[in-house]
Amino acid sequence: MPERSPDDIPTEDPRPDGLRRVPSLVLVNTGPGKGKTSAAIGVVVRAVAQGWPVAVVQFLKSGKWRTGEEKICRQLGVDWWAQGEGFTWDSADLSVDQAVAAGAWRHARSIITGGEYGLVVLDEITYPINWGWIDLEEVIETIRTRPERVNVVLTGRNAPASLIEIADTVSEIANVKHAYQSGIRAKKGIDY
């Protein structure tokens, strides 16, 4: 373990003065690295532990997939909708994928505006936004005018600047190294 200098150890509180509480937050997990959905699921677990009702809407992952995060979240009482059609490169008809994504957005919008949930995760929403399948301005307006106690987490690569602007917290997840680059397939229990 590398030696640490006493100068490396924080001795002053780094938090800014005047911190305040707000009824809800908007988080964006973006970037080319692995872990955007995993980080969102961490927030889901925290919210469930606080007794919040939680909903997850997945925009690309198919309802046919059986992921570990879906399995455990359902056991925890999370309402989960995997409404995607899967990988676009496997699609036989992208117009079907587009219609499914638009339907997933209508469902997500109703969940957000309904105000029943303390946390709503919009997993991989940036992809259909960037492809023009979901109207970015409608997403932003829905988030801006959401009921005050509804927290929202949005995930996916290349989050649009206007989405980043309305977020309270944005995490850029970098890709330093990935097993795929070495020819290793996704591993159950690690990747899904």
Protein backbone atom coordinates (compact mmCIF):
# COMPACT_ATOMS: atom_id res chain seq x y z
CA MET A 1 0.00 0.00 0.00
CA PRO A 2 1.50 3.39 -0.94
CA GLU A 3 2.49 5.62 1.92
CA ARG A 4 0.29 8.62 2.49
CA SER A 5 1.55 11.98 3.47
CA PRO A 6 -0.25 13.81 6.29
CA ASP A 7 -0.87 16.52 3.67
CA ASP A 8 -3.11 14.04 1.76
CA ILE A 9 -5.49 13.55 4.69
CA PRO A 10 -8.45 15.98 4.71
CA THR A 11 -8.65 17.91 7.97
CA GLU A 12 -11.25 20.50 6.96
CA ASP A 13 -14.87 19.93 6.05
CA PRO A 14 -15.05 20.21 2.23
CA ARG A 15 -18.79 20.79 2.10
CA PRO A 16 -19.98 24.23 1.06
CA ASP A 17 -21.69 26.55 3.54
CA GLY A 18 -25.44 26.97 3.38
CA LEU A 19 -26.45 23.42 2.49
CA ARG A 20 -30.23 23.09 2.32
CA ARG A 21 -32.78 20.31 1.99
CA VAL A 22 -34.94 19.94 -1.12
CA PRO A 23 -38.00 17.73 -1.63
CA SER A 24 -36.47 15.76 -4.54
CA LEU A 25 -33.47 15.45 -6.83
CA VAL A 26 -32.70 14.58 -10.45
CA LEU A 27 -29.64 12.40 -11.07
CA VAL A 28 -28.05 11.56 -14.42
CA ASN A 29 -25.61 8.67 -14.84
CA THR A 30 -23.94 8.99 -18.22
CA GLY A 31 -20.67 8.26 -20.00
CA PRO A 32 -19.11 5.40 -21.95
CA GLY A 33 -18.19 3.24 -18.95
CA LYS A 34 -19.90 0.26 -17.34
CA GLY A 35 -21.95 0.91 -14.23
CA LYS A 36 -24.61 3.50 -15.05
CA THR A 37 -27.50 1.15 -14.31
CA SER A 38 -25.61 -0.45 -11.42
CA ALA A 39 -25.23 2.98 -9.80
CA ALA A 40 -28.94 3.65 -10.30
CA ILE A 41 -29.78 0.34 -8.63
CA GLY A 42 -27.69 1.45 -5.66
CA VAL A 43 -30.00 4.45 -5.33
CA VAL A 44 -33.00 2.12 -5.65
CA VAL A 45 -31.75 0.04 -2.73
CA ARG A 46 -31.25 3.17 -0.60
CA ALA A 47 -34.75 4.42 -1.46
CA VAL A 48 -36.36 1.06 -0.64
CA ALA A 49 -34.46 1.01 2.67
CA GLN A 50 -36.06 4.39 3.46
CA GLY A 51 -39.52 3.01 2.75
CA TRP A 52 -40.05 4.83 -0.54
CA PRO A 53 -42.18 3.37 -3.31
CA VAL A 54 -39.86 2.87 -6.30
CA ALA A 55 -40.42 2.31 -10.02
CA VAL A 56 -37.93 1.37 -12.74
CA VAL A 57 -38.66 1.73 -16.45
CA GLN A 58 -36.09 0.23 -18.81
CA PHE A 59 -36.08 1.59 -22.34
CA LEU A 60 -33.84 -0.95 -24.09
CA LYS A 61 -33.67 -4.07 -21.97
CA SER A 62 -36.29 -6.57 -22.98
CA GLY A 63 -38.88 -8.00 -20.64
CA LYS A 64 -37.61 -11.41 -21.82
CA TRP A 65 -34.25 -10.82 -20.15
CA ARG A 66 -33.90 -12.02 -16.57
CA THR A 67 -31.36 -9.75 -14.96
CA GLY A 68 -30.12 -9.97 -11.40
CA GLU A 69 -31.08 -6.38 -10.65
CA GLU A 70 -34.66 -6.98 -11.79
CA LYS A 71 -34.93 -10.17 -9.74
CA ILE A 72 -33.74 -8.63 -6.47
CA CYS A 73 -35.60 -5.36 -6.98
CA ARG A 74 -38.88 -7.20 -7.53
CA GLN A 75 -38.20 -9.14 -4.32
CA LEU A 76 -37.75 -5.78 -2.58
CA GLY A 77 -41.13 -4.56 -3.86
CA VAL A 78 -39.89 -2.33 -6.67
CA ASP A 79 -42.33 -1.91 -9.56
CA TRP A 80 -40.31 -2.85 -12.65
CA TRP A 81 -41.09 -2.43 -16.33
CA ALA A 82 -38.54 -3.74 -18.84
CA GLN A 83 -40.22 -2.32 -21.92
CA GLY A 84 -37.46 -2.34 -24.50
CA GLU A 85 -36.97 -4.52 -27.52
CA GLY A 86 -33.35 -5.37 -26.76
CA PHE A 87 -30.24 -4.45 -28.70
CA THR A 88 -31.01 -2.33 -31.76
CA TRP A 89 -28.44 -4.26 -33.82
CA ASP A 90 -30.55 -7.40 -33.30
CA SER A 91 -33.75 -5.67 -34.40
CA ALA A 92 -35.71 -6.99 -37.35
CA ASP A 93 -37.66 -3.72 -37.56
CA LEU A 94 -36.45 -0.52 -35.90
CA SER A 95 -39.88 1.08 -36.32
CA VAL A 96 -41.19 -1.50 -33.83
CA ASP A 97 -38.37 -0.61 -31.42
CA GLN A 98 -39.23 3.08 -31.83
CA ALA A 99 -42.91 2.47 -31.09
CA VAL A 100 -42.03 0.39 -28.03
CA ALA A 101 -39.71 3.14 -26.72
CA ALA A 102 -42.44 5.76 -27.25
CA GLY A 103 -44.86 3.56 -25.32
CA ALA A 104 -42.32 3.12 -22.53
CA TRP A 105 -41.97 6.91 -22.34
CA ARG A 106 -45.76 7.39 -22.12
CA HIS A 107 -45.80 4.89 -19.27
CA ALA A 108 -42.81 6.54 -17.52
CA ARG A 109 -44.37 9.99 -17.90
CA SER A 110 -47.60 8.78 -16.27
CA ILE A 111 -45.61 7.26 -13.40
CA ILE A 112 -43.69 10.50 -12.84
CA THR A 113 -46.68 12.81 -13.09
CA GLY A 114 -48.83 10.48 -10.97
CA GLY A 115 -46.66 11.26 -7.95
CA GLU A 116 -47.06 7.82 -6.36
CA TYR A 117 -43.36 6.99 -6.37
CA GLY A 118 -40.59 8.55 -4.31
CA LEU A 119 -38.05 7.38 -6.91
CA VAL A 120 -38.42 6.71 -10.64
CA VAL A 121 -35.47 5.30 -12.60
CA LEU A 122 -35.48 5.85 -16.37
CA ASP A 123 -32.86 3.31 -17.39
CA GLU A 124 -31.15 3.83 -20.75
CA ILE A 125 -33.49 6.67 -21.69
CA THR A 126 -30.73 8.70 -23.35
CA TYR A 127 -30.56 6.29 -26.28
CA PRO A 128 -34.15 6.73 -27.55
CA ILE A 129 -33.86 10.45 -26.81
CA ASN A 130 -30.70 10.76 -28.91
CA TRP A 131 -32.21 8.69 -31.72
CA GLY A 132 -35.22 11.02 -31.86
CA TRP A 133 -37.65 8.34 -30.69
CA ILE A 134 -38.61 10.31 -27.56
CA ASP A 135 -38.96 14.09 -27.50
CA LEU A 136 -36.22 15.58 -25.30
CA GLU A 137 -38.21 18.73 -24.52
CA GLU A 138 -41.15 16.65 -23.32
CA VAL A 139 -38.84 14.65 -21.04
CA ILE A 140 -37.35 17.85 -19.62
CA GLU A 141 -40.75 19.46 -19.10
CA THR A 142 -42.05 16.32 -17.36
CA ILE A 143 -39.07 16.31 -15.02
CA ARG A 144 -39.28 20.05 -14.34
CA THR A 145 -43.00 19.92 -13.51
CA ARG A 146 -42.96 16.60 -11.62
CA PRO A 147 -44.63 16.39 -8.22
CA GLU A 148 -42.18 17.79 -5.70
CA ARG A 149 -41.45 14.51 -3.86
CA VAL A 150 -40.61 12.46 -6.99
CA ASN A 151 -36.88 11.86 -7.38
CA VAL A 152 -35.70 10.80 -10.85
CA VAL A 153 -32.58 8.93 -12.01
CA LEU A 154 -31.83 8.85 -15.75
CA THR A 155 -29.15 6.64 -17.27
CA GLY A 156 -27.44 6.15 -20.62
CA ARG A 157 -24.53 7.34 -22.72
CA ASN A 158 -24.30 10.81 -24.23
CA ALA A 159 -26.83 12.56 -22.01
CA PRO A 160 -27.96 15.71 -23.86
CA ALA A 161 -26.67 19.01 -22.48
CA SER A 162 -30.17 20.23 -21.62
CA LEU A 163 -30.78 17.09 -19.56
CA ILE A 164 -27.50 17.61 -17.73
CA GLU A 165 -28.48 21.23 -17.12
CA ILE A 166 -31.68 20.36 -15.24
CA ALA A 167 -30.04 17.60 -13.18
CA ASP A 168 -28.91 18.19 -9.62
CA THR A 169 -26.19 15.52 -9.80
CA VAL A 170 -24.48 14.21 -12.92
CA SER A 171 -22.00 11.34 -12.86
CA GLU A 172 -19.81 10.72 -15.90
CA ILE A 173 -18.79 7.07 -15.84
CA ALA A 174 -15.57 6.54 -17.75
CA ASN A 175 -14.38 3.42 -19.51
CA VAL A 176 -10.87 2.63 -18.31
CA LYS A 177 -10.93 -1.06 -19.21
CA HIS A 178 -13.71 -3.52 -20.01
CA ALA A 179 -13.71 -7.30 -20.22
CA TYR A 180 -15.46 -7.11 -23.61
CA GLN A 181 -12.30 -5.53 -25.03
CA SER A 182 -10.46 -8.76 -24.16
CA GLY A 183 -13.14 -10.88 -25.81
CA ILE A 184 -14.89 -11.85 -22.55
CA ARG A 185 -18.65 -12.27 -22.70
CA ALA A 186 -21.03 -10.67 -20.17
CA LYS A 187 -21.07 -12.64 -16.94
CA LYS A 188 -24.24 -13.51 -15.06
CA GLY A 189 -24.06 -12.02 -11.58
CA ILE A 190 -21.57 -9.34 -12.66
CA ASP A 191 -23.01 -7.81 -15.84
CA TYR A 192 -26.65 -8.84 -15.52
